[in-house]
Amino acid sequence: MANAYDGMEGYHKVKDLTFAGRSATEYRYDLTVYAVEVHLTTVIDKEIGITLFWYASGKTYEGESGSATFKVFSFKTGSQVVAPVIG
């Protein structure tokens, strides 16, 4: 999952960074369709592949706009974290 956005159509890698104390990669997606612009920024933890930050914004040429944000402020790993087993 940590590399899920690499090569995904429309996404491009912006930079490697430290986010919430974790080594991460920032990706960006920009799309304009007809009269709507959409911009997505996603920061993915390199080690375990979870989303640490997600920001979406959009606007229409008529002036309507909106945005949403998800942000992890701290993240702890250790014996209290158990990854699920699938299959």
PDB file of N, CA and C in Angstrom:
ATOM      1  N   MET A   1       0.818  -1.206   0.000  1.00  0.00           N
ATOM      2  CA  MET A   1       0.000   0.000   0.000  1.00  0.00           C
ATOM      3  C   MET A   1       0.856   1.262   0.000  1.00  0.00           C
ATOM      4  N   ALA A   2       2.056   1.175   0.561  1.00  0.00           N
ATOM      5  CA  ALA A   2       2.902   2.363   0.652  1.00  0.00           C
ATOM      6  C   ALA A   2       3.239   2.927  -0.718  1.00  0.00           C
ATOM      7  N   ASN A   3       3.248   2.104  -1.748  1.00  0.00           N
ATOM      8  CA  ASN A   3       3.566   2.559  -3.104  1.00  0.00           C
ATOM      9  C   ASN A   3       2.345   2.528  -4.016  1.00  0.00           C
ATOM     10  N   ALA A   4       1.165   2.492  -3.443  1.00  0.00           N
ATOM     11  CA  ALA A   4      -0.055   2.333  -4.239  1.00  0.00           C
ATOM     12  C   ALA A   4      -0.287   3.473  -5.216  1.00  0.00           C
ATOM     13  N   TYR A   5       0.164   4.668  -4.902  1.00  0.00           N
ATOM     14  CA  TYR A   5      -0.080   5.814  -5.766  1.00  0.00           C
ATOM     15  C   TYR A   5       0.977   5.962  -6.859  1.00  0.00           C
ATOM     16  N   ASP A   6       2.113   5.264  -6.718  1.00  0.00           N
ATOM     17  CA  ASP A   6       3.147   5.326  -7.752  1.00  0.00           C
ATOM     18  C   ASP A   6       2.586   4.783  -9.061  1.00  0.00           C
ATOM     19  N   GLY A   7       2.581   5.599 -10.067  1.00  0.00           N
ATOM     20  CA  GLY A   7       2.108   5.167 -11.373  1.00  0.00           C
ATOM     21  C   GLY A   7       0.608   5.185 -11.538  1.00  0.00           C
ATOM     22  N   MET A   8      -0.158   5.529 -10.498  1.00  0.00           N
ATOM     23  CA  MET A   8      -1.607   5.584 -10.630  1.00  0.00           C
ATOM     24  C   MET A   8      -1.962   6.771 -11.521  1.00  0.00           C
ATOM     25  N   GLU A   9      -2.800   6.539 -12.478  1.00  0.00           N
ATOM     26  CA  GLU A   9      -3.132   7.575 -13.449  1.00  0.00           C
ATOM     27  C   GLU A   9      -3.639   8.845 -12.762  1.00  0.00           C
ATOM     28  N   GLY A  10      -3.034   9.955 -13.115  1.00  0.00           N
ATOM     29  CA  GLY A  10      -3.442  11.243 -12.570  1.00  0.00           C
ATOM     30  C   GLY A  10      -2.659  11.679 -11.350  1.00  0.00           C
ATOM     31  N   TYR A  11      -2.136  10.727 -10.564  1.00  0.00           N
ATOM     32  CA  TYR A  11      -1.349  11.065  -9.381  1.00  0.00           C
ATOM     33  C   TYR A  11       0.110  11.245  -9.759  1.00  0.00           C
ATOM     34  N   HIS A  12       0.777  12.143  -9.070  1.00  0.00           N
ATOM     35  CA  HIS A  12       2.220  12.261  -9.231  1.00  0.00           C
ATOM     36  C   HIS A  12       2.857  12.488  -7.853  1.00  0.00           C
ATOM     37  N   LYS A  13       4.053  11.945  -7.700  1.00  0.00           N
ATOM     38  CA  LYS A  13       4.785  12.093  -6.452  1.00  0.00           C
ATOM     39  C   LYS A  13       5.295  13.520  -6.351  1.00  0.00           C
ATOM     40  N   VAL A  14       5.068  14.145  -5.196  1.00  0.00           N
ATOM     41  CA  VAL A  14       5.530  15.509  -4.958  1.00  0.00           C
ATOM     42  C   VAL A  14       6.877  15.481  -4.248  1.00  0.00           C
ATOM     43  N   LYS A  15       6.932  14.755  -3.116  1.00  0.00           N
ATOM     44  CA  LYS A  15       8.173  14.711  -2.349  1.00  0.00           C
ATOM     45  C   LYS A  15       8.081  13.676  -1.241  1.00  0.00           C
ATOM     46  N   ASP A  16       9.240  13.309  -0.722  1.00  0.00           N
ATOM     47  CA  ASP A  16       9.331  12.515   0.495  1.00  0.00           C
ATOM     48  C   ASP A  16       9.434  13.495   1.660  1.00  0.00           C
ATOM     49  N   LEU A  17       8.823  13.151   2.784  1.00  0.00           N
ATOM     50  CA  LEU A  17       8.822  14.048   3.927  1.00  0.00           C
ATOM     51  C   LEU A  17       8.600  13.272   5.213  1.00  0.00           C
ATOM     52  N   THR A  18       8.711  13.950   6.330  1.00  0.00           N
ATOM     53  CA  THR A  18       8.356  13.389   7.631  1.00  0.00           C
ATOM     54  C   THR A  18       7.032  14.025   8.038  1.00  0.00           C
ATOM     55  N   PHE A  19       6.061  13.183   8.380  1.00  0.00           N
ATOM     56  CA  PHE A  19       4.730  13.670   8.743  1.00  0.00           C
ATOM     57  C   PHE A  19       4.282  12.905   9.977  1.00  0.00           C
ATOM     58  N   ALA A  20       3.864  13.603  11.002  1.00  0.00           N
ATOM     59  CA  ALA A  20       3.449  13.003  12.286  1.00  0.00           C
ATOM     60  C   ALA A  20       4.538  12.073  12.812  1.00  0.00           C
ATOM     61  N   GLY A  21       5.793  12.461  12.584  1.00  0.00           N
ATOM     62  CA  GLY A  21       6.917  11.674  13.059  1.00  0.00           C
ATOM     63  C   GLY A  21       7.224  10.438  12.230  1.00  0.00           C
ATOM     64  N   ARG A  22       6.591  10.298  11.073  1.00  0.00           N
ATOM     65  CA  ARG A  22       6.742   9.110  10.241  1.00  0.00           C
ATOM     66  C   ARG A  22       7.347   9.489   8.889  1.00  0.00           C
ATOM     67  N   SER A  23       8.111   8.577   8.311  1.00  0.00           N
ATOM     68  CA  SER A  23       8.653   8.756   6.970  1.00  0.00           C
ATOM     69  C   SER A  23       7.512   8.535   5.977  1.00  0.00           C
ATOM     70  N   ALA A  24       7.283   9.508   5.100  1.00  0.00           N
ATOM     71  CA  ALA A  24       6.103   9.454   4.238  1.00  0.00           C
ATOM     72  C   ALA A  24       6.404  10.017   2.849  1.00  0.00           C
ATOM     73  N   THR A  25       5.447   9.840   1.952  1.00  0.00           N
ATOM     74  CA  THR A  25       5.523  10.379   0.601  1.00  0.00           C
ATOM     75  C   THR A  25       4.243  11.139   0.312  1.00  0.00           C
ATOM     76  N   GLU A  26       4.392  12.324  -0.266  1.00  0.00           N
ATOM     77  CA  GLU A  26       3.243  13.151  -0.640  1.00  0.00           C
ATOM     78  C   GLU A  26       2.945  12.969  -2.130  1.00  0.00           C
ATOM     79  N   TYR A  27       1.664  12.768  -2.441  1.00  0.00           N
ATOM     80  CA  TYR A  27       1.190  12.640  -3.816  1.00  0.00           C
ATOM     81  C   TYR A  27       0.158  13.715  -4.102  1.00  0.00           C
ATOM     82  N   ARG A  28       0.030  14.087  -5.350  1.00  0.00           N
ATOM     83  CA  ARG A  28      -0.899  15.136  -5.764  1.00  0.00           C
ATOM     84  C   ARG A  28      -1.688  14.657  -6.979  1.00  0.00           C
ATOM     85  N   TYR A  29      -2.945  15.051  -7.029  1.00  0.00           N
ATOM     86  CA  TYR A  29      -3.814  14.736  -8.155  1.00  0.00           C
ATOM     87  C   TYR A  29      -4.588  16.004  -8.507  1.00  0.00           C
ATOM     88  N   ASP A  30      -4.529  16.400  -9.752  1.00  0.00           N
ATOM     89  CA  ASP A  30      -5.257  17.580 -10.222  1.00  0.00           C
ATOM     90  C   ASP A  30      -6.080  17.180 -11.441  1.00  0.00           C
ATOM     91  N   LEU A  31      -7.322  17.608 -11.453  1.00  0.00           N
ATOM     92  CA  LEU A  31      -8.221  17.242 -12.546  1.00  0.00           C
ATOM     93  C   LEU A  31      -9.136  18.413 -12.861  1.00  0.00           C
ATOM     94  N   THR A  32      -9.286  18.699 -14.125  1.00  0.00           N
ATOM     95  CA  THR A  32     -10.276  19.677 -14.575  1.00  0.00           C
ATOM     96  C   THR A  32     -11.164  18.989 -15.601  1.00  0.00           C
ATOM     97  N   VAL A  33     -12.450  18.969 -15.306  1.00  0.00           N
ATOM     98  CA  VAL A  33     -13.427  18.354 -16.203  1.00  0.00           C
ATOM     99  C   VAL A  33     -14.554  19.350 -16.391  1.00  0.00           C
ATOM    100  N   TYR A  34     -14.768  19.725 -17.630  1.00  0.00           N
ATOM    101  CA  TYR A  34     -15.798  20.704 -17.965  1.00  0.00           C
ATOM    102  C   TYR A  34     -15.614  21.962 -17.119  1.00  0.00           C
ATOM    103  N   ALA A  35     -16.516  22.241 -16.207  1.00  0.00           N
ATOM    104  CA  ALA A  35     -16.438  23.477 -15.430  1.00  0.00           C
ATOM    105  C   ALA A  35     -16.067  23.227 -13.970  1.00  0.00           C
ATOM    106  N   VAL A  36     -15.381  22.108 -13.698  1.00  0.00           N
ATOM    107  CA  VAL A  36     -15.047  21.739 -12.324  1.00  0.00           C
ATOM    108  C   VAL A  36     -13.554  21.435 -12.215  1.00  0.00           C
ATOM    109  N   GLU A  37     -12.915  21.974 -11.185  1.00  0.00           N
ATOM    110  CA  GLU A  37     -11.528  21.651 -10.863  1.00  0.00           C
ATOM    111  C   GLU A  37     -11.496  20.876  -9.552  1.00  0.00           C
ATOM    112  N   VAL A  38     -10.700  19.812  -9.498  1.00  0.00           N
ATOM    113  CA  VAL A  38     -10.536  19.014  -8.290  1.00  0.00           C
ATOM    114  C   VAL A  38      -9.046  18.863  -8.018  1.00  0.00           C
ATOM    115  N   HIS A  39      -8.656  19.047  -6.754  1.00  0.00           N
ATOM    116  CA  HIS A  39      -7.264  18.903  -6.340  1.00  0.00           C
ATOM    117  C   HIS A  39      -7.217  18.012  -5.102  1.00  0.00           C
ATOM    118  N   LEU A  40      -6.400  16.973  -5.141  1.00  0.00           N
ATOM    119  CA  LEU A  40      -6.239  16.060  -4.012  1.00  0.00           C
ATOM    120  C   LEU A  40      -4.774  15.995  -3.610  1.00  0.00           C
ATOM    121  N   THR A  41      -4.511  16.054  -2.325  1.00  0.00           N
ATOM    122  CA  THR A  41      -3.177  15.843  -1.787  1.00  0.00           C
ATOM    123  C   THR A  41      -3.281  14.699  -0.786  1.00  0.00           C
ATOM    124  N   THR A  42      -2.411  13.703  -0.929  1.00  0.00           N
ATOM    125  CA  THR A  42      -2.422  12.532  -0.062  1.00  0.00           C
ATOM    126  C   THR A  42      -1.006  12.276   0.435  1.00  0.00           C
ATOM    127  N   VAL A  43      -0.851  12.037   1.744  1.00  0.00           N
ATOM    128  CA  VAL A  43       0.444  11.689   2.323  1.00  0.00           C
ATOM    129  C   VAL A  43       0.326  10.265   2.871  1.00  0.00           C
ATOM    130  N   ILE A  44       1.205   9.389   2.382  1.00  0.00           N
ATOM    131  CA  ILE A  44       1.160   7.966   2.727  1.00  0.00           C
ATOM    132  C   ILE A  44       2.408   7.585   3.522  1.00  0.00           C
ATOM    133  N   ASP A  45       2.210   6.862   4.637  1.00  0.00           N
ATOM    134  CA  ASP A  45       3.318   6.346   5.434  1.00  0.00           C
ATOM    135  C   ASP A  45       4.094   5.321   4.604  1.00  0.00           C
ATOM    136  N   LYS A  46       5.404   5.480   4.532  1.00  0.00           N
ATOM    137  CA  LYS A  46       6.233   4.579   3.711  1.00  0.00           C
ATOM    138  C   LYS A  46       6.329   3.167   4.275  1.00  0.00           C
ATOM    139  N   GLU A  47       6.345   3.031   5.589  1.00  0.00           N
ATOM    140  CA  GLU A  47       6.560   1.716   6.193  1.00  0.00           C
ATOM    141  C   GLU A  47       5.307   0.845   6.178  1.00  0.00           C
ATOM    142  N   ILE A  48       4.181   1.398   6.603  1.00  0.00           N
ATOM    143  CA  ILE A  48       2.975   0.570   6.727  1.00  0.00           C
ATOM    144  C   ILE A  48       1.853   0.957   5.776  1.00  0.00           C
ATOM    145  N   GLY A  49       2.043   2.026   5.016  1.00  0.00           N
ATOM    146  CA  GLY A  49       1.118   2.344   3.941  1.00  0.00           C
ATOM    147  C   GLY A  49      -0.197   2.988   4.320  1.00  0.00           C
ATOM    148  N   ILE A  50      -0.324   3.499   5.532  1.00  0.00           N
ATOM    149  CA  ILE A  50      -1.591   4.147   5.881  1.00  0.00           C
ATOM    150  C   ILE A  50      -1.584   5.609   5.431  1.00  0.00           C
ATOM    151  N   THR A  51      -2.757   6.154   5.255  1.00  0.00           N
ATOM    152  CA  THR A  51      -2.898   7.560   4.901  1.00  0.00           C
ATOM    153  C   THR A  51      -2.738   8.400   6.159  1.00  0.00           C
ATOM    154  N   LEU A  52      -1.770   9.319   6.122  1.00  0.00           N
ATOM    155  CA  LEU A  52      -1.527  10.202   7.259  1.00  0.00           C
ATOM    156  C   LEU A  52      -2.191  11.563   7.068  1.00  0.00           C
ATOM    157  N   PHE A  53      -2.408  11.950   5.813  1.00  0.00           N
ATOM    158  CA  PHE A  53      -2.994  13.245   5.509  1.00  0.00           C
ATOM    159  C   PHE A  53      -3.712  13.141   4.171  1.00  0.00           C
ATOM    160  N   TRP A  54      -4.872  13.778   4.106  1.00  0.00           N
ATOM    161  CA  TRP A  54      -5.626  13.818   2.860  1.00  0.00           C
ATOM    162  C   TRP A  54      -6.342  15.161   2.804  1.00  0.00           C
ATOM    163  N   TYR A  55      -6.185  15.861   1.700  1.00  0.00           N
ATOM    164  CA  TYR A  55      -6.844  17.148   1.516  1.00  0.00           C
ATOM    165  C   TYR A  55      -7.459  17.172   0.118  1.00  0.00           C
ATOM    166  N   ALA A  56      -8.706  17.524   0.053  1.00  0.00           N
ATOM    167  CA  ALA A  56      -9.399  17.624  -1.225  1.00  0.00           C
ATOM    168  C   ALA A  56     -10.047  18.989  -1.320  1.00  0.00           C
ATOM    169  N   SER A  57      -9.933  19.594  -2.488  1.00  0.00           N
ATOM    170  CA  SER A  57     -10.617  20.859  -2.722  1.00  0.00           C
ATOM    171  C   SER A  57     -11.121  20.863  -4.151  1.00  0.00           C
ATOM    172  N   GLY A  58     -12.149  21.638  -4.344  1.00  0.00           N
ATOM    173  CA  GLY A  58     -12.714  21.736  -5.675  1.00  0.00           C
ATOM    174  C   GLY A  58     -13.466  23.027  -5.847  1.00  0.00           C
ATOM    175  N   LYS A  59     -13.639  23.397  -7.107  1.00  0.00           N
ATOM    176  CA  LYS A  59     -14.418  24.596  -7.380  1.00  0.00           C
ATOM    177  C   LYS A  59     -15.005  24.505  -8.780  1.00  0.00           C
ATOM    178  N   THR A  60     -16.065  25.236  -8.960  1.00  0.00           N
ATOM    179  CA  THR A  60     -16.676  25.342 -10.277  1.00  0.00           C
ATOM    180  C   THR A  60     -16.363  26.723 -10.833  1.00  0.00           C
ATOM    181  N   TYR A  61     -16.496  26.863 -12.111  1.00  0.00           N
ATOM    182  CA  TYR A  61     -16.251  28.165 -12.718  1.00  0.00           C
ATOM    183  C   TYR A  61     -17.350  29.169 -12.378  1.00  0.00           C
ATOM    184  N   GLU A  62     -18.443  28.682 -11.789  1.00  0.00           N
ATOM    185  CA  GLU A  62     -19.503  29.587 -11.339  1.00  0.00           C
ATOM    186  C   GLU A  62     -19.217  30.148  -9.947  1.00  0.00           C
ATOM    187  N   GLY A  63     -18.120  29.699  -9.329  1.00  0.00           N
ATOM    188  CA  GLY A  63     -17.737  30.251  -8.032  1.00  0.00           C
ATOM    189  C   GLY A  63     -18.033  29.378  -6.831  1.00  0.00           C
ATOM    190  N   GLU A  64     -18.680  28.230  -7.006  1.00  0.00           N
ATOM    191  CA  GLU A  64     -18.930  27.329  -5.888  1.00  0.00           C
ATOM    192  C   GLU A  64     -17.632  26.596  -5.556  1.00  0.00           C
ATOM    193  N   SER A  65     -17.387  26.369  -4.253  1.00  0.00           N
ATOM    194  CA  SER A  65     -16.166  25.667  -3.871  1.00  0.00           C
ATOM    195  C   SER A  65     -16.373  24.928  -2.552  1.00  0.00           C
ATOM    196  N   GLY A  66     -15.457  24.031  -2.268  1.00  0.00           N
ATOM    197  CA  GLY A  66     -15.502  23.289  -1.018  1.00  0.00           C
ATOM    198  C   GLY A  66     -14.199  22.560  -0.803  1.00  0.00           C
ATOM    199  N   SER A  67     -13.998  22.078   0.431  1.00  0.00           N
ATOM    200  CA  SER A  67     -12.791  21.334   0.734  1.00  0.00           C
ATOM    201  C   SER A  67     -13.034  20.417   1.926  1.00  0.00           C
ATOM    202  N   ALA A  68     -12.149  19.435   2.083  1.00  0.00           N
ATOM    203  CA  ALA A  68     -12.207  18.504   3.205  1.00  0.00           C
ATOM    204  C   ALA A  68     -10.782  18.105   3.562  1.00  0.00           C
ATOM    205  N   THR A  69     -10.531  17.858   4.861  1.00  0.00           N
ATOM    206  CA  THR A  69      -9.198  17.503   5.326  1.00  0.00           C
ATOM    207  C   THR A  69      -9.268  16.361   6.332  1.00  0.00           C
ATOM    208  N   PHE A  70      -8.323  15.444   6.225  1.00  0.00           N
ATOM    209  CA  PHE A  70      -8.098  14.390   7.208  1.00  0.00           C
ATOM    210  C   PHE A  70      -6.627  14.469   7.576  1.00  0.00           C
ATOM    211  N   LYS A  71      -6.313  14.503   8.879  1.00  0.00           N
ATOM    212  CA  LYS A  71      -4.914  14.657   9.286  1.00  0.00           C
ATOM    213  C   LYS A  71      -4.636  13.852  10.551  1.00  0.00           C
ATOM    214  N   VAL A  72      -3.567  13.056  10.506  1.00  0.00           N
ATOM    215  CA  VAL A  72      -3.088  12.334  11.676  1.00  0.00           C
ATOM    216  C   VAL A  72      -2.068  13.233  12.370  1.00  0.00           C
ATOM    217  N   PHE A  73      -2.253  13.460  13.668  1.00  0.00           N
ATOM    218  CA  PHE A  73      -1.330  14.317  14.411  1.00  0.00           C
ATOM    219  C   PHE A  73      -0.209  13.531  15.068  1.00  0.00           C
ATOM    220  N   SER A  74      -0.490  12.287  15.443  1.00  0.00           N
ATOM    221  CA  SER A  74       0.558  11.429  15.994  1.00  0.00           C
ATOM    222  C   SER A  74       0.168   9.982  15.707  1.00  0.00           C
ATOM    223  N   PHE A  75       1.189   9.152  15.642  1.00  0.00           N
ATOM    224  CA  PHE A  75       0.944   7.749  15.311  1.00  0.00           C
ATOM    225  C   PHE A  75       1.946   6.915  16.085  1.00  0.00           C
ATOM    226  N   LYS A  76       1.455   5.949  16.860  1.00  0.00           N
ATOM    227  CA  LYS A  76       2.331   5.105  17.666  1.00  0.00           C
ATOM    228  C   LYS A  76       2.262   3.669  17.157  1.00  0.00           C
ATOM    229  N   THR A  77       3.408   3.035  17.103  1.00  0.00           N
ATOM    230  CA  THR A  77       3.451   1.609  16.792  1.00  0.00           C
ATOM    231  C   THR A  77       4.090   0.900  17.968  1.00  0.00           C
ATOM    232  N   GLY A  78       3.893  -0.358  18.038  1.00  0.00           N
ATOM    233  CA  GLY A  78       4.460  -1.143  19.127  1.00  0.00           C
ATOM    234  C   GLY A  78       3.622  -2.367  19.376  1.00  0.00           C
ATOM    235  N   SER A  79       3.789  -2.966  20.518  1.00  0.00           N
ATOM    236  CA  SER A  79       3.108  -4.230  20.822  1.00  0.00           C
ATOM    237  C   SER A  79       1.594  -4.077  20.891  1.00  0.00           C
ATOM    238  N   GLN A  80       1.091  -2.858  21.111  1.00  0.00           N
ATOM    239  CA  GLN A  80      -0.357  -2.657  21.183  1.00  0.00           C
ATOM    240  C   GLN A  80      -1.016  -2.661  19.805  1.00  0.00           C
ATOM    241  N   VAL A  81      -0.211  -2.591  18.736  1.00  0.00           N
ATOM    242  CA  VAL A  81      -0.764  -2.567  17.390  1.00  0.00           C
ATOM    243  C   VAL A  81      -0.654  -3.962  16.791  1.00  0.00           C
ATOM    244  N   VAL A  82      -1.784  -4.517  16.392  1.00  0.00           N
ATOM    245  CA  VAL A  82      -1.787  -5.850  15.786  1.00  0.00           C
ATOM    246  C   VAL A  82      -2.403  -5.718  14.400  1.00  0.00           C
ATOM    247  N   ALA A  83      -1.636  -6.058  13.376  1.00  0.00           N
ATOM    248  CA  ALA A  83      -2.144  -5.997  12.009  1.00  0.00           C
ATOM    249  C   ALA A  83      -3.086  -7.169  11.771  1.00  0.00           C
ATOM    250  N   PRO A  84      -4.206  -6.926  11.097  1.00  0.00           N
ATOM    251  CA  PRO A  84      -5.141  -8.022  10.815  1.00  0.00           C
ATOM    252  C   PRO A  84      -4.569  -8.993   9.793  1.00  0.00           C
ATOM    253  N   VAL A  85      -4.940 -10.243   9.932  1.00  0.00           N
ATOM    254  CA  VAL A  85      -4.524 -11.278   8.982  1.00  0.00           C
ATOM    255  C   VAL A  85      -5.700 -11.568   8.077  1.00  0.00           C
ATOM    256  N   ILE A  86      -5.479 -11.438   6.774  1.00  0.00           N
ATOM    257  CA  ILE A  86      -6.553 -11.679   5.808  1.00  0.00           C
ATOM    258  C   ILE A  86      -6.245 -12.979   5.085  1.00  0.00           C
ATOM    259  N   GLY A  87      -7.247 -13.824   5.035  1.00  0.00           N
ATOM    260  CA  GLY A  87      -7.090 -15.076   4.281  1.00  0.00           C
ATOM    261  C   GLY A  87      -6.692 -16.189   5.079  1.00  0.00           C
TER     262      GLY A  87
END
